[in-house]
Amino acid sequence: MGRGRSDSRWTLDDENHGQLWWTPLVVVVLAAATWGLLGLVEGGCETGPRGGCVAADGYKANGWVLFLSAMPALFVVGTGLTSKRWPPAVGVAVGGAGCAVYVLTQGRTPAHLITASALLVLAVLAPASVWRRRRQRRAAVTPSGR
């Protein structure tokens, strides 16, 4: 399949960022990371057997989900913030806004408000950055004399 092409089927270039499956992927990964983080916010952290911070009793599943979804969340949010295509950015916007609403339904402590604020900033920043990049690209393509 790669003859005569750049064989970019499995690379994460700008063409692959335009695939529609990015939107639900980003939403699901953000939801998982938010749910895990919310367990840390609500349950707090207890001293572990070696002195470190471990999830409180009743919040162990949240701790594992946060542990397993932290790196994928960093990757998909970074993609949503740096891509020139809409699907990852729309996923960050929808996921960030939806997760912020979920966090606010769970409580109004300062930690809840900070988490919701960070998610809302991501929800606004991702589409704005794509719009800005696409506008700059369009301006670079058109002659400046017009």
C-alpha atoms as a PDB file:
ATOM      1  CA  MET A   1       0.000   0.000   0.000  1.00  0.00           C
ATOM      2  CA  GLY A   2       2.931   2.310   0.558  1.00  0.00           C
ATOM      3  CA  ARG A   3       4.327   2.295  -2.971  1.00  0.00           C
ATOM      4  CA  GLY A   4       4.654   5.774  -4.329  1.00  0.00           C
ATOM      5  CA  ARG A   5       3.351   7.300  -1.119  1.00  0.00           C
ATOM      6  CA  SER A   6       4.921   8.425   2.090  1.00  0.00           C
ATOM      7  CA  ASP A   7       3.543   5.281   3.783  1.00  0.00           C
ATOM      8  CA  SER A   8       2.089   7.391   6.575  1.00  0.00           C
ATOM      9  CA  ARG A   9      -0.731   5.019   7.426  1.00  0.00           C
ATOM     10  CA  TRP A  10       0.408   4.503  10.993  1.00  0.00           C
ATOM     11  CA  THR A  11       2.157   7.792  11.602  1.00  0.00           C
ATOM     12  CA  LEU A  12       0.471  10.613  13.440  1.00  0.00           C
ATOM     13  CA  ASP A  13       0.842  13.331  10.872  1.00  0.00           C
ATOM     14  CA  ASP A  14      -1.629  16.075  10.048  1.00  0.00           C
ATOM     15  CA  GLU A  15      -3.502  13.869   7.571  1.00  0.00           C
ATOM     16  CA  ASN A  16      -4.233  11.257  10.252  1.00  0.00           C
ATOM     17  CA  HIS A  17      -5.314  13.964  12.679  1.00  0.00           C
ATOM     18  CA  GLY A  18      -8.158  14.741  10.295  1.00  0.00           C
ATOM     19  CA  GLN A  19      -9.810  11.372  10.886  1.00  0.00           C
ATOM     20  CA  LEU A  20     -13.202  11.588  12.582  1.00  0.00           C
ATOM     21  CA  TRP A  21     -12.376   8.881  15.134  1.00  0.00           C
ATOM     22  CA  TRP A  22     -10.197  11.416  16.964  1.00  0.00           C
ATOM     23  CA  THR A  23     -13.229  13.189  18.420  1.00  0.00           C
ATOM     24  CA  PRO A  24     -14.700  10.267  20.412  1.00  0.00           C
ATOM     25  CA  LEU A  25     -11.210   9.039  21.310  1.00  0.00           C
ATOM     26  CA  VAL A  26     -10.310  12.359  22.909  1.00  0.00           C
ATOM     27  CA  VAL A  27     -13.656  12.570  24.722  1.00  0.00           C
ATOM     28  CA  VAL A  28     -13.301   9.071  26.204  1.00  0.00           C
ATOM     29  CA  VAL A  29      -9.683   9.548  27.279  1.00  0.00           C
ATOM     30  CA  LEU A  30     -10.469  12.921  28.863  1.00  0.00           C
ATOM     31  CA  ALA A  31     -13.471  11.436  30.663  1.00  0.00           C
ATOM     32  CA  ALA A  32     -11.361   8.602  32.051  1.00  0.00           C
ATOM     33  CA  ALA A  33      -8.606  10.941  33.230  1.00  0.00           C
ATOM     34  CA  THR A  34     -11.142  13.308  34.773  1.00  0.00           C
ATOM     35  CA  TRP A  35     -12.914  10.488  36.607  1.00  0.00           C
ATOM     36  CA  GLY A  36      -9.597   9.269  37.979  1.00  0.00           C
ATOM     37  CA  LEU A  37      -8.544  12.769  38.995  1.00  0.00           C
ATOM     38  CA  LEU A  38     -11.911  13.360  40.632  1.00  0.00           C
ATOM     39  CA  GLY A  39     -11.313  10.305  42.821  1.00  0.00           C
ATOM     40  CA  LEU A  40      -8.047  11.867  43.969  1.00  0.00           C
ATOM     41  CA  VAL A  41      -9.790  15.191  44.592  1.00  0.00           C
ATOM     42  CA  GLU A  42     -12.659  13.657  46.564  1.00  0.00           C
ATOM     43  CA  GLY A  43     -10.844  10.853  48.349  1.00  0.00           C
ATOM     44  CA  GLY A  44      -7.588  12.576  48.991  1.00  0.00           C
ATOM     45  CA  CYS A  45      -4.397  10.702  49.398  1.00  0.00           C
ATOM     46  CA  GLU A  46      -3.192   8.451  52.177  1.00  0.00           C
ATOM     47  CA  THR A  47       0.337   7.552  53.166  1.00  0.00           C
ATOM     48  CA  GLY A  48       1.378   4.354  51.458  1.00  0.00           C
ATOM     49  CA  PRO A  49       3.494   1.534  52.837  1.00  0.00           C
ATOM     50  CA  ARG A  50       6.654   3.191  51.537  1.00  0.00           C
ATOM     51  CA  GLY A  51       5.629   6.703  52.542  1.00  0.00           C
ATOM     52  CA  GLY A  52       4.237   7.893  49.223  1.00  0.00           C
ATOM     53  CA  CYS A  53       0.750   9.059  48.322  1.00  0.00           C
ATOM     54  CA  VAL A  54      -1.779   6.330  47.494  1.00  0.00           C
ATOM     55  CA  ALA A  55      -5.484   6.580  46.762  1.00  0.00           C
ATOM     56  CA  ALA A  56      -7.772   6.500  49.775  1.00  0.00           C
ATOM     57  CA  ASP A  57      -9.890   3.440  50.511  1.00  0.00           C
ATOM     58  CA  GLY A  58     -12.871   3.316  48.159  1.00  0.00           C
ATOM     59  CA  TYR A  59     -11.003   5.260  45.482  1.00  0.00           C
ATOM     60  CA  LYS A  60      -8.480   2.624  44.367  1.00  0.00           C
ATOM     61  CA  ALA A  61     -10.210   2.173  40.985  1.00  0.00           C
ATOM     62  CA  ASN A  62     -10.042   5.923  40.414  1.00  0.00           C
ATOM     63  CA  GLY A  63      -6.328   5.867  41.177  1.00  0.00           C
ATOM     64  CA  TRP A  64      -5.680   3.070  38.691  1.00  0.00           C
ATOM     65  CA  VAL A  65      -7.736   4.756  35.979  1.00  0.00           C
ATOM     66  CA  LEU A  66      -5.848   8.014  36.520  1.00  0.00           C
ATOM     67  CA  PHE A  67      -2.545   6.132  36.420  1.00  0.00           C
ATOM     68  CA  LEU A  68      -3.454   4.343  33.179  1.00  0.00           C
ATOM     69  CA  SER A  69      -5.043   7.323  31.413  1.00  0.00           C
ATOM     70  CA  ALA A  70      -2.570  10.078  32.308  1.00  0.00           C
ATOM     71  CA  MET A  71      -0.184   9.567  29.382  1.00  0.00           C
ATOM     72  CA  PRO A  72      -2.906   8.977  26.746  1.00  0.00           C
ATOM     73  CA  ALA A  73      -4.688  12.100  28.028  1.00  0.00           C
ATOM     74  CA  LEU A  74      -1.500  14.128  27.705  1.00  0.00           C
ATOM     75  CA  PHE A  75      -1.033  12.815  24.167  1.00  0.00           C
ATOM     76  CA  VAL A  76      -4.585  13.451  22.906  1.00  0.00           C
ATOM     77  CA  VAL A  77      -4.864  16.878  24.552  1.00  0.00           C
ATOM     78  CA  GLY A  78      -1.487  17.830  23.093  1.00  0.00           C
ATOM     79  CA  THR A  79      -2.687  16.664  19.698  1.00  0.00           C
ATOM     80  CA  GLY A  80      -5.892  18.667  20.069  1.00  0.00           C
ATOM     81  CA  LEU A  81      -3.924  21.781  20.953  1.00  0.00           C
ATOM     82  CA  THR A  82      -1.299  21.493  18.200  1.00  0.00           C
ATOM     83  CA  SER A  83      -3.124  20.005  15.216  1.00  0.00           C
ATOM     84  CA  LYS A  84      -4.362  22.002  12.252  1.00  0.00           C
ATOM     85  CA  ARG A  85      -7.360  19.699  11.865  1.00  0.00           C
ATOM     86  CA  TRP A  86     -10.711  19.979  13.606  1.00  0.00           C
ATOM     87  CA  PRO A  87     -11.513  16.463  14.950  1.00  0.00           C
ATOM     88  CA  PRO A  88      -8.932  16.394  17.793  1.00  0.00           C
ATOM     89  CA  ALA A  89      -9.767  19.976  18.772  1.00  0.00           C
ATOM     90  CA  VAL A  90     -13.502  19.284  18.772  1.00  0.00           C
ATOM     91  CA  GLY A  91     -12.829  16.256  20.979  1.00  0.00           C
ATOM     92  CA  VAL A  92     -10.908  18.409  23.463  1.00  0.00           C
ATOM     93  CA  ALA A  93     -13.657  21.044  23.401  1.00  0.00           C
ATOM     94  CA  VAL A  94     -16.520  18.593  23.899  1.00  0.00           C
ATOM     95  CA  GLY A  95     -14.612  16.447  26.384  1.00  0.00           C
ATOM     96  CA  GLY A  96     -13.342  19.419  28.360  1.00  0.00           C
ATOM     97  CA  ALA A  97     -16.749  21.085  28.599  1.00  0.00           C
ATOM     98  CA  GLY A  98     -18.562  17.847  29.429  1.00  0.00           C
ATOM     99  CA  CYS A  99     -16.014  16.804  32.038  1.00  0.00           C
ATOM    100  CA  ALA A 100     -16.064  20.277  33.600  1.00  0.00           C
ATOM    101  CA  VAL A 101     -19.840  20.036  34.000  1.00  0.00           C
ATOM    102  CA  TYR A 102     -19.448  16.565  35.528  1.00  0.00           C
ATOM    103  CA  VAL A 103     -16.811  17.822  37.977  1.00  0.00           C
ATOM    104  CA  LEU A 104     -19.060  20.704  39.048  1.00  0.00           C
ATOM    105  CA  THR A 105     -21.970  18.317  39.652  1.00  0.00           C
ATOM    106  CA  GLN A 106     -19.771  16.357  42.059  1.00  0.00           C
ATOM    107  CA  GLY A 107     -18.816  19.279  44.301  1.00  0.00           C
ATOM    108  CA  ARG A 108     -17.897  22.913  44.626  1.00  0.00           C
ATOM    109  CA  THR A 109     -14.718  22.746  46.704  1.00  0.00           C
ATOM    110  CA  PRO A 110     -11.706  24.757  45.549  1.00  0.00           C
ATOM    111  CA  ALA A 111     -10.161  21.593  44.077  1.00  0.00           C
ATOM    112  CA  HIS A 112     -13.330  20.917  42.065  1.00  0.00           C
ATOM    113  CA  LEU A 113     -13.415  24.502  40.817  1.00  0.00           C
ATOM    114  CA  ILE A 114      -9.752  24.434  39.803  1.00  0.00           C
ATOM    115  CA  THR A 115     -10.204  21.146  37.935  1.00  0.00           C
ATOM    116  CA  ALA A 116     -13.317  22.428  36.150  1.00  0.00           C
ATOM    117  CA  SER A 117     -11.583  25.704  35.283  1.00  0.00           C
ATOM    118  CA  ALA A 118      -8.605  23.890  33.754  1.00  0.00           C
ATOM    119  CA  LEU A 119     -10.938  21.721  31.683  1.00  0.00           C
ATOM    120  CA  LEU A 120     -12.887  24.760  30.469  1.00  0.00           C
ATOM    121  CA  VAL A 121      -9.662  26.543  29.499  1.00  0.00           C
ATOM    122  CA  LEU A 122      -8.702  23.494  27.415  1.00  0.00           C
ATOM    123  CA  ALA A 123     -12.190  23.427  25.884  1.00  0.00           C
ATOM    124  CA  VAL A 124     -11.807  27.006  24.673  1.00  0.00           C
ATOM    125  CA  LEU A 125      -8.114  26.914  23.819  1.00  0.00           C
ATOM    126  CA  ALA A 126      -8.173  23.889  21.478  1.00  0.00           C
ATOM    127  CA  PRO A 127     -10.651  25.211  18.860  1.00  0.00           C
ATOM    128  CA  ALA A 128      -9.146  28.692  19.112  1.00  0.00           C
ATOM    129  CA  SER A 129      -5.663  27.344  18.359  1.00  0.00           C
ATOM    130  CA  VAL A 130      -6.907  25.355  15.337  1.00  0.00           C
ATOM    131  CA  TRP A 131      -8.790  28.379  14.036  1.00  0.00           C
ATOM    132  CA  ARG A 132      -5.647  30.523  14.455  1.00  0.00           C
ATOM    133  CA  ARG A 133      -3.407  27.987  12.674  1.00  0.00           C
ATOM    134  CA  ARG A 134      -5.819  27.585   9.789  1.00  0.00           C
ATOM    135  CA  ARG A 135      -6.137  31.361   9.472  1.00  0.00           C
ATOM    136  CA  GLN A 136      -2.347  31.792   9.436  1.00  0.00           C
ATOM    137  CA  ARG A 137      -2.000  29.068   6.807  1.00  0.00           C
ATOM    138  CA  ARG A 138      -4.659  30.712   4.650  1.00  0.00           C
ATOM    139  CA  ALA A 139      -2.901  34.082   4.989  1.00  0.00           C
ATOM    140  CA  ALA A 140       0.422  32.519   3.986  1.00  0.00           C
ATOM    141  CA  VAL A 141      -1.115  30.971   0.868  1.00  0.00           C
ATOM    142  CA  THR A 142      -2.811  34.123  -0.395  1.00  0.00           C
ATOM    143  CA  PRO A 143      -0.661  36.973  -1.728  1.00  0.00           C
ATOM    144  CA  SER A 144      -0.100  39.767   0.767  1.00  0.00           C
ATOM    145  CA  GLY A 145      -0.892  42.438  -1.812  1.00  0.00           C
ATOM    146  CA  ARG A 146      -4.609  41.680  -1.792  1.00  0.00           C
END
